[in-house]
Amino acid sequence: MDTPHYVAARVQQAIAEDGRTNELGIRVDVRGDQVFLRGQVSGEEQRHLLTDVAREAAPGLTVHNEVTCVEVRDPGEEEQL
């Protein structure tokens, strides 16, 4: 059985390199048979794809996606306070 550190590294690499996600800022923690994803992405679809990629990289483990979605504004768009 792989160590939690190895599993986390494998999932993180898959998320970074998979064409569906290409996300570098996602933190992956493994505790027992649980995988936790944390960070921010630009939309709900991207968030769901992270779960898919993580499940493929860590088969048999339960993936908990705690990633939040942030609204991405176009450059130069004024922020309303």
PDB file of N, CA and C in Angstrom:
ATOM      1  N   MET A   1       0.840  -1.201   0.000  1.00  0.00           N
ATOM      2  CA  MET A   1       0.000   0.000   0.000  1.00  0.00           C
ATOM      3  C   MET A   1       0.874   1.249   0.000  1.00  0.00           C
ATOM      4  N   ASP A   2       0.484   2.237  -0.789  1.00  0.00           N
ATOM      5  CA  ASP A   2       1.253   3.475  -0.892  1.00  0.00           C
ATOM      6  C   ASP A   2       1.109   4.315   0.369  1.00  0.00           C
ATOM      7  N   THR A   3       2.148   5.068   0.677  1.00  0.00           N
ATOM      8  CA  THR A   3       2.079   5.972   1.824  1.00  0.00           C
ATOM      9  C   THR A   3       1.171   7.148   1.476  1.00  0.00           C
ATOM     10  N   PRO A   4       0.558   7.775   2.488  1.00  0.00           N
ATOM     11  CA  PRO A   4      -0.310   8.930   2.221  1.00  0.00           C
ATOM     12  C   PRO A   4       0.405  10.028   1.437  1.00  0.00           C
ATOM     13  N   HIS A   5       1.691  10.251   1.761  1.00  0.00           N
ATOM     14  CA  HIS A   5       2.455  11.295   1.071  1.00  0.00           C
ATOM     15  C   HIS A   5       2.579  10.971  -0.416  1.00  0.00           C
ATOM     16  N   TYR A   6       2.813   9.712  -0.741  1.00  0.00           N
ATOM     17  CA  TYR A   6       2.949   9.300  -2.139  1.00  0.00           C
ATOM     18  C   TYR A   6       1.614   9.452  -2.876  1.00  0.00           C
ATOM     19  N   VAL A   7       0.526   9.037  -2.233  1.00  0.00           N
ATOM     20  CA  VAL A   7      -0.795   9.157  -2.850  1.00  0.00           C
ATOM     21  C   VAL A   7      -1.122  10.631  -3.103  1.00  0.00           C
ATOM     22  N   ALA A   8      -0.863  11.493  -2.124  1.00  0.00           N
ATOM     23  CA  ALA A   8      -1.135  12.931  -2.266  1.00  0.00           C
ATOM     24  C   ALA A   8      -0.338  13.507  -3.429  1.00  0.00           C
ATOM     25  N   ALA A   9       0.939  13.128  -3.536  1.00  0.00           N
ATOM     26  CA  ALA A   9       1.784  13.626  -4.618  1.00  0.00           C
ATOM     27  C   ALA A   9       1.261  13.151  -5.974  1.00  0.00           C
ATOM     28  N   ARG A  10       0.816  11.890  -6.037  1.00  0.00           N
ATOM     29  CA  ARG A  10       0.305  11.339  -7.295  1.00  0.00           C
ATOM     30  C   ARG A  10      -0.976  12.066  -7.725  1.00  0.00           C
ATOM     31  N   VAL A  11      -1.877  12.320  -6.759  1.00  0.00           N
ATOM     32  CA  VAL A  11      -3.126  13.021  -7.073  1.00  0.00           C
ATOM     33  C   VAL A  11      -2.824  14.461  -7.505  1.00  0.00           C
ATOM     34  N   GLN A  12      -1.914  15.116  -6.787  1.00  0.00           N
ATOM     35  CA  GLN A  12      -1.569  16.498  -7.111  1.00  0.00           C
ATOM     36  C   GLN A  12      -0.959  16.584  -8.518  1.00  0.00           C
ATOM     37  N   GLN A  13      -0.106  15.622  -8.856  1.00  0.00           N
ATOM     38  CA  GLN A  13       0.501  15.604 -10.182  1.00  0.00           C
ATOM     39  C   GLN A  13      -0.559  15.369 -11.258  1.00  0.00           C
ATOM     40  N   ALA A  14      -1.487  14.460 -10.995  1.00  0.00           N
ATOM     41  CA  ALA A  14      -2.555  14.176 -11.957  1.00  0.00           C
ATOM     42  C   ALA A  14      -3.408  15.422 -12.207  1.00  0.00           C
ATOM     43  N   ILE A  15      -3.746  16.143 -11.136  1.00  0.00           N
ATOM     44  CA  ILE A  15      -4.559  17.356 -11.257  1.00  0.00           C
ATOM     45  C   ILE A  15      -3.808  18.427 -12.062  1.00  0.00           C
ATOM     46  N   ALA A  16      -2.491  18.506 -11.864  1.00  0.00           N
ATOM     47  CA  ALA A  16      -1.690  19.503 -12.571  1.00  0.00           C
ATOM     48  C   ALA A  16      -1.508  19.152 -14.045  1.00  0.00           C
ATOM     49  N   GLU A  17      -1.378  17.849 -14.345  1.00  0.00           N
ATOM     50  CA  GLU A  17      -1.013  17.441 -15.703  1.00  0.00           C
ATOM     51  C   GLU A  17      -2.191  17.016 -16.569  1.00  0.00           C
ATOM     52  N   ASP A  18      -3.324  16.666 -15.972  1.00  0.00           N
ATOM     53  CA  ASP A  18      -4.469  16.215 -16.754  1.00  0.00           C
ATOM     54  C   ASP A  18      -5.025  17.383 -17.562  1.00  0.00           C
ATOM     55  N   GLY A  19      -5.303  17.149 -18.833  1.00  0.00           N
ATOM     56  CA  GLY A  19      -5.800  18.200 -19.708  1.00  0.00           C
ATOM     57  C   GLY A  19      -7.140  18.766 -19.298  1.00  0.00           C
ATOM     58  N   ARG A  20      -7.910  18.011 -18.519  1.00  0.00           N
ATOM     59  CA  ARG A  20      -9.221  18.494 -18.080  1.00  0.00           C
ATOM     60  C   ARG A  20      -9.105  19.516 -16.966  1.00  0.00           C
ATOM     61  N   THR A  21      -8.024  19.444 -16.201  1.00  0.00           N
ATOM     62  CA  THR A  21      -7.920  20.312 -15.027  1.00  0.00           C
ATOM     63  C   THR A  21      -6.771  21.314 -15.133  1.00  0.00           C
ATOM     64  N   ASN A  22      -5.545  20.841 -15.306  1.00  0.00           N
ATOM     65  CA  ASN A  22      -4.366  21.727 -15.372  1.00  0.00           C
ATOM     66  C   ASN A  22      -4.333  22.728 -14.224  1.00  0.00           C
ATOM     67  N   GLU A  23      -4.628  22.271 -13.021  1.00  0.00           N
ATOM     68  CA  GLU A  23      -4.657  23.154 -11.849  1.00  0.00           C
ATOM     69  C   GLU A  23      -3.402  22.938 -11.007  1.00  0.00           C
ATOM     70  N   LEU A  24      -2.707  24.032 -10.692  1.00  0.00           N
ATOM     71  CA  LEU A  24      -1.482  23.939  -9.902  1.00  0.00           C
ATOM     72  C   LEU A  24      -1.698  24.295  -8.436  1.00  0.00           C
ATOM     73  N   GLY A  25      -2.754  25.029  -8.134  1.00  0.00           N
ATOM     74  CA  GLY A  25      -2.911  25.554  -6.779  1.00  0.00           C
ATOM     75  C   GLY A  25      -3.805  24.725  -5.875  1.00  0.00           C
ATOM     76  N   ILE A  26      -3.986  23.442  -6.185  1.00  0.00           N
ATOM     77  CA  ILE A  26      -4.863  22.605  -5.368  1.00  0.00           C
ATOM     78  C   ILE A  26      -4.024  21.831  -4.348  1.00  0.00           C
ATOM     79  N   ARG A  27      -4.399  21.939  -3.079  1.00  0.00           N
ATOM     80  CA  ARG A  27      -3.715  21.216  -2.019  1.00  0.00           C
ATOM     81  C   ARG A  27      -4.396  19.861  -1.822  1.00  0.00           C
ATOM     82  N   VAL A  28      -3.613  18.824  -1.717  1.00  0.00           N
ATOM     83  CA  VAL A  28      -4.144  17.473  -1.552  1.00  0.00           C
ATOM     84  C   VAL A  28      -3.632  16.907  -0.236  1.00  0.00           C
ATOM     85  N   ASP A  29      -4.556  16.489   0.626  1.00  0.00           N
ATOM     86  CA  ASP A  29      -4.206  15.842   1.892  1.00  0.00           C
ATOM     87  C   ASP A  29      -4.822  14.453   1.906  1.00  0.00           C
ATOM     88  N   VAL A  30      -4.052  13.478   2.366  1.00  0.00           N
ATOM     89  CA  VAL A  30      -4.549  12.107   2.456  1.00  0.00           C
ATOM     90  C   VAL A  30      -4.492  11.675   3.910  1.00  0.00           C
ATOM     91  N   ARG A  31      -5.648  11.196   4.396  1.00  0.00           N
ATOM     92  CA  ARG A  31      -5.722  10.648   5.763  1.00  0.00           C
ATOM     93  C   ARG A  31      -6.421   9.308   5.684  1.00  0.00           C
ATOM     94  N   GLY A  32      -5.673   8.250   5.896  1.00  0.00           N
ATOM     95  CA  GLY A  32      -6.254   6.913   5.779  1.00  0.00           C
ATOM     96  C   GLY A  32      -6.712   6.677   4.357  1.00  0.00           C
ATOM     97  N   ASP A  33      -8.006   6.347   4.204  1.00  0.00           N
ATOM     98  CA  ASP A  33      -8.531   6.124   2.850  1.00  0.00           C
ATOM     99  C   ASP A  33      -9.339   7.322   2.358  1.00  0.00           C
ATOM    100  N   GLN A  34      -9.043   8.497   2.915  1.00  0.00           N
ATOM    101  CA  GLN A  34      -9.751   9.732   2.558  1.00  0.00           C
ATOM    102  C   GLN A  34      -8.780  10.700   1.882  1.00  0.00           C
ATOM    103  N   VAL A  35      -9.220  11.271   0.765  1.00  0.00           N
ATOM    104  CA  VAL A  35      -8.439  12.283   0.055  1.00  0.00           C
ATOM    105  C   VAL A  35      -9.210  13.599   0.136  1.00  0.00           C
ATOM    106  N   PHE A  36      -8.530  14.657   0.573  1.00  0.00           N
ATOM    107  CA  PHE A  36      -9.152  15.974   0.703  1.00  0.00           C
ATOM    108  C   PHE A  36      -8.518  16.930  -0.302  1.00  0.00           C
ATOM    109  N   LEU A  37      -9.352  17.584  -1.097  1.00  0.00           N
ATOM    110  CA  LEU A  37      -8.887  18.581  -2.061  1.00  0.00           C
ATOM    111  C   LEU A  37      -9.278  19.954  -1.545  1.00  0.00           C
ATOM    112  N   ARG A  38      -8.297  20.881  -1.526  1.00  0.00           N
ATOM    113  CA  ARG A  38      -8.575  22.238  -1.052  1.00  0.00           C
ATOM    114  C   ARG A  38      -7.920  23.242  -1.993  1.00  0.00           C
ATOM    115  N   GLY A  39      -8.560  24.368  -2.148  1.00  0.00           N
ATOM    116  CA  GLY A  39      -8.035  25.430  -3.001  1.00  0.00           C
ATOM    117  C   GLY A  39      -9.178  26.168  -3.657  1.00  0.00           C
ATOM    118  N   GLN A  40      -8.874  26.857  -4.748  1.00  0.00           N
ATOM    119  CA  GLN A  40      -9.887  27.635  -5.459  1.00  0.00           C
ATOM    120  C   GLN A  40      -9.764  27.393  -6.957  1.00  0.00           C
ATOM    121  N   VAL A  41     -10.911  27.321  -7.617  1.00  0.00           N
ATOM    122  CA  VAL A  41     -10.962  27.214  -9.076  1.00  0.00           C
ATOM    123  C   VAL A  41     -11.964  28.234  -9.608  1.00  0.00           C
ATOM    124  N   SER A  42     -12.012  28.350 -10.939  1.00  0.00           N
ATOM    125  CA  SER A  42     -12.807  29.419 -11.544  1.00  0.00           C
ATOM    126  C   SER A  42     -14.270  29.062 -11.781  1.00  0.00           C
ATOM    127  N   GLY A  43     -14.660  27.804 -11.577  1.00  0.00           N
ATOM    128  CA  GLY A  43     -16.060  27.476 -11.820  1.00  0.00           C
ATOM    129  C   GLY A  43     -16.440  26.095 -11.334  1.00  0.00           C
ATOM    130  N   GLU A  44     -17.743  25.860 -11.280  1.00  0.00           N
ATOM    131  CA  GLU A  44     -18.291  24.607 -10.754  1.00  0.00           C
ATOM    132  C   GLU A  44     -17.888  23.402 -11.612  1.00  0.00           C
ATOM    133  N   GLU A  45     -17.869  23.581 -12.937  1.00  0.00           N
ATOM    134  CA  GLU A  45     -17.483  22.461 -13.803  1.00  0.00           C
ATOM    135  C   GLU A  45     -16.040  22.038 -13.515  1.00  0.00           C
ATOM    136  N   GLN A  46     -15.159  23.011 -13.354  1.00  0.00           N
ATOM    137  CA  GLN A  46     -13.755  22.726 -13.048  1.00  0.00           C
ATOM    138  C   GLN A  46     -13.648  21.984 -11.711  1.00  0.00           C
ATOM    139  N   ARG A  47     -14.459  22.384 -10.756  1.00  0.00           N
ATOM    140  CA  ARG A  47     -14.472  21.752  -9.443  1.00  0.00           C
ATOM    141  C   ARG A  47     -14.851  20.265  -9.569  1.00  0.00           C
ATOM    142  N   HIS A  48     -15.875  19.964 -10.373  1.00  0.00           N
ATOM    143  CA  HIS A  48     -16.301  18.576 -10.564  1.00  0.00           C
ATOM    144  C   HIS A  48     -15.230  17.757 -11.280  1.00  0.00           C
ATOM    145  N   LEU A  49     -14.547  18.371 -12.241  1.00  0.00           N
ATOM    146  CA  LEU A  49     -13.480  17.670 -12.956  1.00  0.00           C
ATOM    147  C   LEU A  49     -12.342  17.294 -12.011  1.00  0.00           C
ATOM    148  N   LEU A  50     -12.064  18.143 -11.029  1.00  0.00           N
ATOM    149  CA  LEU A  50     -11.030  17.823 -10.036  1.00  0.00           C
ATOM    150  C   LEU A  50     -11.360  16.524  -9.315  1.00  0.00           C
ATOM    151  N   THR A  51     -12.629  16.363  -8.946  1.00  0.00           N
ATOM    152  CA  THR A  51     -13.056  15.139  -8.261  1.00  0.00           C
ATOM    153  C   THR A  51     -12.824  13.931  -9.161  1.00  0.00           C
ATOM    154  N   ASP A  52     -13.200  14.038 -10.434  1.00  0.00           N
ATOM    155  CA  ASP A  52     -13.019  12.926 -11.371  1.00  0.00           C
ATOM    156  C   ASP A  52     -11.553  12.530 -11.491  1.00  0.00           C
ATOM    157  N   VAL A  53     -10.692  13.519 -11.685  1.00  0.00           N
ATOM    158  CA  VAL A  53      -9.269  13.248 -11.857  1.00  0.00           C
ATOM    159  C   VAL A  53      -8.680  12.637 -10.582  1.00  0.00           C
ATOM    160  N   ALA A  54      -9.072  13.168  -9.422  1.00  0.00           N
ATOM    161  CA  ALA A  54      -8.555  12.648  -8.153  1.00  0.00           C
ATOM    162  C   ALA A  54      -8.988  11.196  -7.941  1.00  0.00           C
ATOM    163  N   ARG A  55     -10.229  10.881  -8.275  1.00  0.00           N
ATOM    164  CA  ARG A  55     -10.720   9.498  -8.121  1.00  0.00           C
ATOM    165  C   ARG A  55      -9.948   8.538  -9.021  1.00  0.00           C
ATOM    166  N   GLU A  56      -9.640   8.990 -10.235  1.00  0.00           N
ATOM    167  CA  GLU A  56      -8.877   8.142 -11.158  1.00  0.00           C
ATOM    168  C   GLU A  56      -7.449   7.931 -10.656  1.00  0.00           C
ATOM    169  N   ALA A  57      -6.856   8.958 -10.032  1.00  0.00           N
ATOM    170  CA  ALA A  57      -5.474   8.877  -9.555  1.00  0.00           C
ATOM    171  C   ALA A  57      -5.367   8.100  -8.243  1.00  0.00           C
ATOM    172  N   ALA A  58      -6.475   8.019  -7.498  1.00  0.00           N
ATOM    173  CA  ALA A  58      -6.463   7.320  -6.204  1.00  0.00           C
ATOM    174  C   ALA A  58      -7.671   6.384  -6.125  1.00  0.00           C
ATOM    175  N   PRO A  59      -7.693   5.338  -6.965  1.00  0.00           N
ATOM    176  CA  PRO A  59      -8.853   4.437  -6.976  1.00  0.00           C
ATOM    177  C   PRO A  59      -9.031   3.751  -5.621  1.00  0.00           C
ATOM    178  N   GLY A  60     -10.284   3.611  -5.217  1.00  0.00           N
ATOM    179  CA  GLY A  60     -10.567   2.949  -3.948  1.00  0.00           C
ATOM    180  C   GLY A  60     -10.583   3.875  -2.753  1.00  0.00           C
ATOM    181  N   LEU A  61     -10.136   5.115  -2.933  1.00  0.00           N
ATOM    182  CA  LEU A  61     -10.154   6.074  -1.836  1.00  0.00           C
ATOM    183  C   LEU A  61     -11.355   7.006  -1.999  1.00  0.00           C
ATOM    184  N   THR A  62     -11.817   7.551  -0.894  1.00  0.00           N
ATOM    185  CA  THR A  62     -12.940   8.479  -0.915  1.00  0.00           C
ATOM    186  C   THR A  62     -12.408   9.894  -1.088  1.00  0.00           C
ATOM    187  N   VAL A  63     -12.909  10.599  -2.097  1.00  0.00           N
ATOM    188  CA  VAL A  63     -12.453  11.966  -2.377  1.00  0.00           C
ATOM    189  C   VAL A  63     -13.444  12.961  -1.790  1.00  0.00           C
ATOM    190  N   HIS A  64     -12.930  13.874  -0.974  1.00  0.00           N
ATOM    191  CA  HIS A  64     -13.729  14.972  -0.413  1.00  0.00           C
ATOM    192  C   HIS A  64     -13.258  16.252  -1.086  1.00  0.00           C
ATOM    193  N   ASN A  65     -14.094  16.828  -1.936  1.00  0.00           N
ATOM    194  CA  ASN A  65     -13.725  18.035  -2.658  1.00  0.00           C
ATOM    195  C   ASN A  65     -14.178  19.251  -1.860  1.00  0.00           C
ATOM    196  N   GLU A  66     -13.215  19.922  -1.213  1.00  0.00           N
ATOM    197  CA  GLU A  66     -13.506  21.119  -0.427  1.00  0.00           C
ATOM    198  C   GLU A  66     -13.045  22.377  -1.168  1.00  0.00           C
ATOM    199  N   VAL A  67     -12.851  22.245  -2.475  1.00  0.00           N
ATOM    200  CA  VAL A  67     -12.414  23.354  -3.314  1.00  0.00           C
ATOM    201  C   VAL A  67     -13.565  24.347  -3.471  1.00  0.00           C
ATOM    202  N   THR A  68     -13.251  25.631  -3.430  1.00  0.00           N
ATOM    203  CA  THR A  68     -14.267  26.656  -3.602  1.00  0.00           C
ATOM    204  C   THR A  68     -14.142  27.285  -4.990  1.00  0.00           C
ATOM    205  N   CYS A  69     -15.239  27.799  -5.469  1.00  0.00           N
ATOM    206  CA  CYS A  69     -15.266  28.470  -6.774  1.00  0.00           C
ATOM    207  C   CYS A  69     -15.199  29.972  -6.557  1.00  0.00           C
ATOM    208  N   VAL A  70     -14.348  30.632  -7.332  1.00  0.00           N
ATOM    209  CA  VAL A  70     -14.243  32.085  -7.255  1.00  0.00           C
ATOM    210  C   VAL A  70     -14.658  32.660  -8.594  1.00  0.00           C
ATOM    211  N   GLU A  71     -15.287  33.803  -8.540  1.00  0.00           N
ATOM    212  CA  GLU A  71     -15.703  34.480  -9.759  1.00  0.00           C
ATOM    213  C   GLU A  71     -14.489  35.140 -10.391  1.00  0.00           C
ATOM    214  N   VAL A  72     -14.264  34.842 -11.642  1.00  0.00           N
ATOM    215  CA  VAL A  72     -13.131  35.440 -12.354  1.00  0.00           C
ATOM    216  C   VAL A  72     -13.638  36.635 -13.143  1.00  0.00           C
ATOM    217  N   ARG A  73     -13.048  37.770 -12.874  1.00  0.00           N
ATOM    218  CA  ARG A  73     -13.446  39.003 -13.564  1.00  0.00           C
ATOM    219  C   ARG A  73     -12.498  39.257 -14.731  1.00  0.00           C
ATOM    220  N   ASP A  74     -13.024  39.910 -15.738  1.00  0.00           N
ATOM    221  CA  ASP A  74     -12.173  40.301 -16.858  1.00  0.00           C
ATOM    222  C   ASP A  74     -11.212  41.388 -16.380  1.00  0.00           C
ATOM    223  N   PRO A  75      -9.988  41.391 -16.895  1.00  0.00           N
ATOM    224  CA  PRO A  75      -9.042  42.456 -16.504  1.00  0.00           C
ATOM    225  C   PRO A  75      -9.633  43.826 -16.802  1.00  0.00           C
ATOM    226  N   GLY A  76      -9.485  44.730 -15.875  1.00  0.00           N
ATOM    227  CA  GLY A  76      -9.971  46.079 -16.093  1.00  0.00           C
ATOM    228  C   GLY A  76     -11.405  46.307 -15.648  1.00  0.00           C
ATOM    229  N   GLU A  77     -12.095  45.233 -15.315  1.00  0.00           N
ATOM    230  CA  GLU A  77     -13.482  45.387 -14.850  1.00  0.00           C
ATOM    231  C   GLU A  77     -13.445  45.976 -13.434  1.00  0.00           C
ATOM    232  N   GLU A  78     -14.249  47.002 -13.221  1.00  0.00           N
ATOM    233  CA  GLU A  78     -14.233  47.645 -11.913  1.00  0.00           C
ATOM    234  C   GLU A  78     -14.903  46.787 -10.867  1.00  0.00           C
ATOM    235  N   GLU A  79     -14.276  46.756  -9.699  1.00  0.00           N
ATOM    236  CA  GLU A  79     -14.873  46.014  -8.589  1.00  0.00           C
ATOM    237  C   GLU A  79     -15.838  46.929  -7.853  1.00  0.00           C
ATOM    238  N   GLN A  80     -17.054  46.446  -7.649  1.00  0.00           N
ATOM    239  CA  GLN A  80     -18.063  47.233  -6.937  1.00  0.00           C
ATOM    240  C   GLN A  80     -17.993  46.916  -5.458  1.00  0.00           C
ATOM    241  N   LEU A  81     -17.829  47.949  -4.646  1.00  0.00           N
ATOM    242  CA  LEU A  81     -17.757  47.748  -3.190  1.00  0.00           C
ATOM    243  C   LEU A  81     -19.055  48.159  -2.527  1.00  0.00           C
TER     244      LEU A  81
END
